[in-house]
Amino acid sequence: MGEVTFRQISSLSNETVKHARALHMRKTREESGQFLAEGLKIITEAVDQGVAPDVLLFGKAAASHPLLIRAAEATTAAGGEVIEVTPEILEKIARRDNAQPALAIFKQRFVPLGSLRPTSNVCWVAMDRVRDPGNLGTVVRTVDAAGGGGVILVGDCCDP
């Protein structure tokens, strides 16, 4: 994989693997300030926006994929860690039945309401006490597709 240095993990009891699995729980996401993203497409989209993973986990079958190489280079350049894992580990960490060839741990990025500049974008969407993560995801994708500034969450909301 070019100039990228990576290590290998084959044990489900490894601390990095345990942490990645625990990121499915809201408490762990809140405590660590991180979240787990599954799949090369979403990881690459983040990298394209200038956001590199803290940790990139991949299966050997994806090692030569151009998107993985690009994500691995961005992770390394940002001081993150690139780790090859077994298919069993990918399956244990992934939420989907068909494990993705790559998973990544990212820092959460929240912006305080007071620092927003409403004139920087034409449209912002505020949601009050939204409970369904699927609904929130739909609105976030729609705002992004329409070129909106972002989504403002008010009150007790589901975990973004």
C-alpha atoms as a PDB file:
ATOM      1  CA  MET A   1       0.000   0.000   0.000  1.00  0.00           C
ATOM      2  CA  GLY A   2       2.594   2.531  -1.116  1.00  0.00           C
ATOM      3  CA  GLU A   3       4.149   4.823   1.503  1.00  0.00           C
ATOM      4  CA  VAL A   4       1.515   4.047   4.139  1.00  0.00           C
ATOM      5  CA  THR A   5       2.649   2.206   7.243  1.00  0.00           C
ATOM      6  CA  PHE A   6       0.066  -0.035   8.848  1.00  0.00           C
ATOM      7  CA  ARG A   7      -0.112  -2.696  11.491  1.00  0.00           C
ATOM      8  CA  GLN A   8      -2.152  -5.885  11.583  1.00  0.00           C
ATOM      9  CA  ILE A   9      -4.641  -7.045  14.196  1.00  0.00           C
ATOM     10  CA  SER A  10      -6.103 -10.542  14.296  1.00  0.00           C
ATOM     11  CA  SER A  11      -7.463 -10.661  17.855  1.00  0.00           C
ATOM     12  CA  LEU A  12     -11.021  -9.714  18.806  1.00  0.00           C
ATOM     13  CA  SER A  13      -9.716  -8.873  22.290  1.00  0.00           C
ATOM     14  CA  ASN A  14      -7.461  -6.086  20.985  1.00  0.00           C
ATOM     15  CA  GLU A  15      -8.243  -2.721  22.649  1.00  0.00           C
ATOM     16  CA  THR A  16      -8.691  -0.901  19.326  1.00  0.00           C
ATOM     17  CA  VAL A  17     -11.182  -3.543  18.183  1.00  0.00           C
ATOM     18  CA  LYS A  18     -13.052  -3.358  21.491  1.00  0.00           C
ATOM     19  CA  HIS A  19     -13.210   0.434  21.252  1.00  0.00           C
ATOM     20  CA  ALA A  20     -14.477   0.328  17.653  1.00  0.00           C
ATOM     21  CA  ARG A  21     -17.232  -2.116  18.662  1.00  0.00           C
ATOM     22  CA  ALA A  22     -18.150   0.024  21.667  1.00  0.00           C
ATOM     23  CA  LEU A  23     -18.695   3.054  19.407  1.00  0.00           C
ATOM     24  CA  HIS A  24     -22.090   1.552  18.554  1.00  0.00           C
ATOM     25  CA  MET A  25     -23.150   2.712  22.025  1.00  0.00           C
ATOM     26  CA  ARG A  26     -24.109   6.357  22.501  1.00  0.00           C
ATOM     27  CA  LYS A  27     -22.342   6.518  25.876  1.00  0.00           C
ATOM     28  CA  THR A  28     -19.012   5.534  24.300  1.00  0.00           C
ATOM     29  CA  ARG A  29     -19.476   8.053  21.469  1.00  0.00           C
ATOM     30  CA  GLU A  30     -20.192  10.817  23.984  1.00  0.00           C
ATOM     31  CA  GLU A  31     -17.269   9.876  26.246  1.00  0.00           C
ATOM     32  CA  SER A  32     -14.731   9.474  23.433  1.00  0.00           C
ATOM     33  CA  GLY A  33     -15.975  12.218  21.112  1.00  0.00           C
ATOM     34  CA  GLN A  34     -15.676   9.753  18.245  1.00  0.00           C
ATOM     35  CA  PHE A  35     -17.978   7.785  15.955  1.00  0.00           C
ATOM     36  CA  LEU A  36     -17.670   4.831  13.594  1.00  0.00           C
ATOM     37  CA  ALA A  37     -18.227   5.101   9.823  1.00  0.00           C
ATOM     38  CA  GLU A  38     -18.711   1.982   7.695  1.00  0.00           C
ATOM     39  CA  GLY A  39     -17.726   1.714   4.050  1.00  0.00           C
ATOM     40  CA  LEU A  40     -15.220   3.180   1.626  1.00  0.00           C
ATOM     41  CA  LYS A  41     -17.756   5.552   0.091  1.00  0.00           C
ATOM     42  CA  ILE A  42     -18.510   7.462   3.303  1.00  0.00           C
ATOM     43  CA  ILE A  43     -14.864   7.379   4.406  1.00  0.00           C
ATOM     44  CA  THR A  44     -13.736   8.771   1.043  1.00  0.00           C
ATOM     45  CA  GLU A  45     -16.410  11.487   1.156  1.00  0.00           C
ATOM     46  CA  ALA A  46     -15.062  12.595   4.544  1.00  0.00           C
ATOM     47  CA  VAL A  47     -11.476  12.601   3.248  1.00  0.00           C
ATOM     48  CA  ASP A  48     -12.601  14.639   0.231  1.00  0.00           C
ATOM     49  CA  GLN A  49     -14.024  17.204   2.684  1.00  0.00           C
ATOM     50  CA  GLY A  50     -10.659  17.412   4.470  1.00  0.00           C
ATOM     51  CA  VAL A  51     -11.572  15.172   7.410  1.00  0.00           C
ATOM     52  CA  ALA A  52      -9.232  12.238   7.984  1.00  0.00           C
ATOM     53  CA  PRO A  53     -10.009   9.276  10.249  1.00  0.00           C
ATOM     54  CA  ASP A  54      -8.323   8.825  13.605  1.00  0.00           C
ATOM     55  CA  VAL A  55      -8.212   5.089  12.827  1.00  0.00           C
ATOM     56  CA  LEU A  56      -8.771   3.317   9.502  1.00  0.00           C
ATOM     57  CA  LEU A  57      -9.514  -0.426   9.685  1.00  0.00           C
ATOM     58  CA  PHE A  58      -9.510  -2.467   6.482  1.00  0.00           C
ATOM     59  CA  GLY A  59      -9.606  -6.044   5.259  1.00  0.00           C
ATOM     60  CA  LYS A  60      -6.803  -7.488   3.161  1.00  0.00           C
ATOM     61  CA  ALA A  61      -9.127  -7.859   0.146  1.00  0.00           C
ATOM     62  CA  ALA A  62      -9.466  -4.049  -0.044  1.00  0.00           C
ATOM     63  CA  ALA A  63      -5.760  -3.248   0.392  1.00  0.00           C
ATOM     64  CA  SER A  64      -5.186  -2.345  -3.257  1.00  0.00           C
ATOM     65  CA  HIS A  65      -8.449  -0.440  -3.781  1.00  0.00           C
ATOM     66  CA  PRO A  66      -7.664   3.148  -4.921  1.00  0.00           C
ATOM     67  CA  LEU A  67     -10.208   4.668  -2.502  1.00  0.00           C
ATOM     68  CA  LEU A  68      -8.680   2.778   0.420  1.00  0.00           C
ATOM     69  CA  ILE A  69      -5.182   3.858  -0.571  1.00  0.00           C
ATOM     70  CA  ARG A  70      -6.328   7.495  -0.699  1.00  0.00           C
ATOM     71  CA  ALA A  71      -8.034   7.183   2.717  1.00  0.00           C
ATOM     72  CA  ALA A  72      -4.965   5.466   4.193  1.00  0.00           C
ATOM     73  CA  GLU A  73      -2.661   8.210   2.905  1.00  0.00           C
ATOM     74  CA  ALA A  74      -4.931  10.907   4.379  1.00  0.00           C
ATOM     75  CA  THR A  75      -5.139   9.050   7.699  1.00  0.00           C
ATOM     76  CA  THR A  76      -1.363   8.699   7.913  1.00  0.00           C
ATOM     77  CA  ALA A  77      -0.776  12.333   6.897  1.00  0.00           C
ATOM     78  CA  ALA A  78      -3.126  13.480   9.677  1.00  0.00           C
ATOM     79  CA  GLY A  79      -1.333  11.351  12.284  1.00  0.00           C
ATOM     80  CA  GLY A  80      -3.981   8.642  12.378  1.00  0.00           C
ATOM     81  CA  GLU A  81      -3.482   4.911  12.459  1.00  0.00           C
ATOM     82  CA  VAL A  82      -4.070   2.458   9.590  1.00  0.00           C
ATOM     83  CA  ILE A  83      -4.769  -1.142  10.598  1.00  0.00           C
ATOM     84  CA  GLU A  84      -5.357  -4.291   8.566  1.00  0.00           C
ATOM     85  CA  VAL A  85      -7.829  -6.610  10.299  1.00  0.00           C
ATOM     86  CA  THR A  86      -9.244 -10.051   9.620  1.00  0.00           C
ATOM     87  CA  PRO A  87     -12.655 -10.570   7.983  1.00  0.00           C
ATOM     88  CA  GLU A  88     -13.912 -11.861  11.354  1.00  0.00           C
ATOM     89  CA  ILE A  89     -13.006  -8.583  13.034  1.00  0.00           C
ATOM     90  CA  LEU A  90     -14.710  -6.558  10.302  1.00  0.00           C
ATOM     91  CA  GLU A  91     -17.858  -8.660  10.785  1.00  0.00           C
ATOM     92  CA  LYS A  92     -17.797  -8.191  14.570  1.00  0.00           C
ATOM     93  CA  ILE A  93     -17.370  -4.420  14.359  1.00  0.00           C
ATOM     94  CA  ALA A  94     -19.792  -3.765  11.485  1.00  0.00           C
ATOM     95  CA  ARG A  95     -23.481  -3.191  12.110  1.00  0.00           C
ATOM     96  CA  ARG A  96     -24.492  -4.424   8.687  1.00  0.00           C
ATOM     97  CA  ASP A  97     -24.871  -8.093   7.780  1.00  0.00           C
ATOM     98  CA  ASN A  98     -22.482  -7.695   4.870  1.00  0.00           C
ATOM     99  CA  ALA A  99     -19.347  -6.270   6.464  1.00  0.00           C
ATOM    100  CA  GLN A 100     -17.808  -3.394   4.537  1.00  0.00           C
ATOM    101  CA  PRO A 101     -14.164  -3.687   3.409  1.00  0.00           C
ATOM    102  CA  ALA A 102     -13.220  -0.664   5.523  1.00  0.00           C
ATOM    103  CA  LEU A 103     -14.343   1.045   8.723  1.00  0.00           C
ATOM    104  CA  ALA A 104     -13.069   4.264  10.221  1.00  0.00           C
ATOM    105  CA  ILE A 105     -13.147   6.030  13.559  1.00  0.00           C
ATOM    106  CA  PHE A 106     -13.621   9.787  13.256  1.00  0.00           C
ATOM    107  CA  LYS A 107     -13.760  12.654  15.738  1.00  0.00           C
ATOM    108  CA  GLN A 108     -17.243  14.092  16.191  1.00  0.00           C
ATOM    109  CA  ARG A 109     -17.539  17.695  15.033  1.00  0.00           C
ATOM    110  CA  PHE A 110     -20.169  19.868  16.634  1.00  0.00           C
ATOM    111  CA  VAL A 111     -20.326  23.637  16.306  1.00  0.00           C
ATOM    112  CA  PRO A 112     -21.864  25.738  19.112  1.00  0.00           C
ATOM    113  CA  LEU A 113     -24.959  27.638  18.007  1.00  0.00           C
ATOM    114  CA  GLY A 114     -23.375  30.986  18.905  1.00  0.00           C
ATOM    115  CA  SER A 115     -20.546  30.486  16.415  1.00  0.00           C
ATOM    116  CA  LEU A 116     -22.824  29.965  13.400  1.00  0.00           C
ATOM    117  CA  ARG A 117     -23.049  32.746  10.852  1.00  0.00           C
ATOM    118  CA  PRO A 118     -26.551  32.472   9.330  1.00  0.00           C
ATOM    119  CA  THR A 119     -25.587  34.667   6.392  1.00  0.00           C
ATOM    120  CA  SER A 120     -22.873  32.212   5.311  1.00  0.00           C
ATOM    121  CA  ASN A 121     -25.476  29.938   3.702  1.00  0.00           C
ATOM    122  CA  VAL A 122     -28.928  30.521   2.300  1.00  0.00           C
ATOM    123  CA  CYS A 123     -30.678  27.806   4.291  1.00  0.00           C
ATOM    124  CA  TRP A 124     -30.300  26.214   7.696  1.00  0.00           C
ATOM    125  CA  VAL A 125     -32.736  23.632   9.064  1.00  0.00           C
ATOM    126  CA  ALA A 126     -33.588  23.485  12.764  1.00  0.00           C
ATOM    127  CA  MET A 127     -35.089  20.337  14.252  1.00  0.00           C
ATOM    128  CA  ASP A 128     -36.708  20.296  17.679  1.00  0.00           C
ATOM    129  CA  ARG A 129     -36.615  17.079  19.728  1.00  0.00           C
ATOM    130  CA  VAL A 130     -36.208  14.775  16.727  1.00  0.00           C
ATOM    131  CA  ARG A 131     -36.247  11.192  18.031  1.00  0.00           C
ATOM    132  CA  ASP A 132     -35.857   9.005  14.966  1.00  0.00           C
ATOM    133  CA  PRO A 133     -32.266   8.697  13.675  1.00  0.00           C
ATOM    134  CA  GLY A 134     -33.592   7.698  10.248  1.00  0.00           C
ATOM    135  CA  ASN A 135     -35.566  10.921   9.985  1.00  0.00           C
ATOM    136  CA  LEU A 136     -32.556  12.948  11.106  1.00  0.00           C
ATOM    137  CA  GLY A 137     -30.364  11.212   8.518  1.00  0.00           C
ATOM    138  CA  THR A 138     -32.873  11.945   5.772  1.00  0.00           C
ATOM    139  CA  VAL A 139     -33.000  15.625   6.687  1.00  0.00           C
ATOM    140  CA  VAL A 140     -29.191  15.903   6.925  1.00  0.00           C
ATOM    141  CA  ARG A 141     -28.756  14.311   3.472  1.00  0.00           C
ATOM    142  CA  THR A 142     -31.474  16.549   2.008  1.00  0.00           C
ATOM    143  CA  VAL A 143     -29.951  19.724   3.469  1.00  0.00           C
ATOM    144  CA  ASP A 144     -26.549  18.683   2.130  1.00  0.00           C
ATOM    145  CA  ALA A 145     -27.939  17.891  -1.343  1.00  0.00           C
ATOM    146  CA  ALA A 146     -29.729  21.259  -1.454  1.00  0.00           C
ATOM    147  CA  GLY A 147     -26.564  23.132  -0.488  1.00  0.00           C
ATOM    148  CA  GLY A 148     -27.832  24.154   2.939  1.00  0.00           C
ATOM    149  CA  GLY A 149     -25.619  25.416   5.722  1.00  0.00           C
ATOM    150  CA  GLY A 150     -26.390  22.594   8.106  1.00  0.00           C
ATOM    151  CA  VAL A 151     -28.814  21.177  10.619  1.00  0.00           C
ATOM    152  CA  ILE A 152     -29.404  22.722  14.035  1.00  0.00           C
ATOM    153  CA  LEU A 153     -30.619  20.316  16.706  1.00  0.00           C
ATOM    154  CA  VAL A 154     -32.726  21.806  19.493  1.00  0.00           C
ATOM    155  CA  GLY A 155     -33.781  20.085  22.693  1.00  0.00           C
ATOM    156  CA  ASP A 156     -33.405  16.411  23.523  1.00  0.00           C
ATOM    157  CA  CYS A 157     -32.654  14.781  20.154  1.00  0.00           C
ATOM    158  CA  CYS A 158     -31.492  11.387  18.965  1.00  0.00           C
ATOM    159  CA  ASP A 159     -27.746  10.931  18.658  1.00  0.00           C
ATOM    160  CA  PRO A 160     -26.603  12.522  15.396  1.00  0.00           C
END
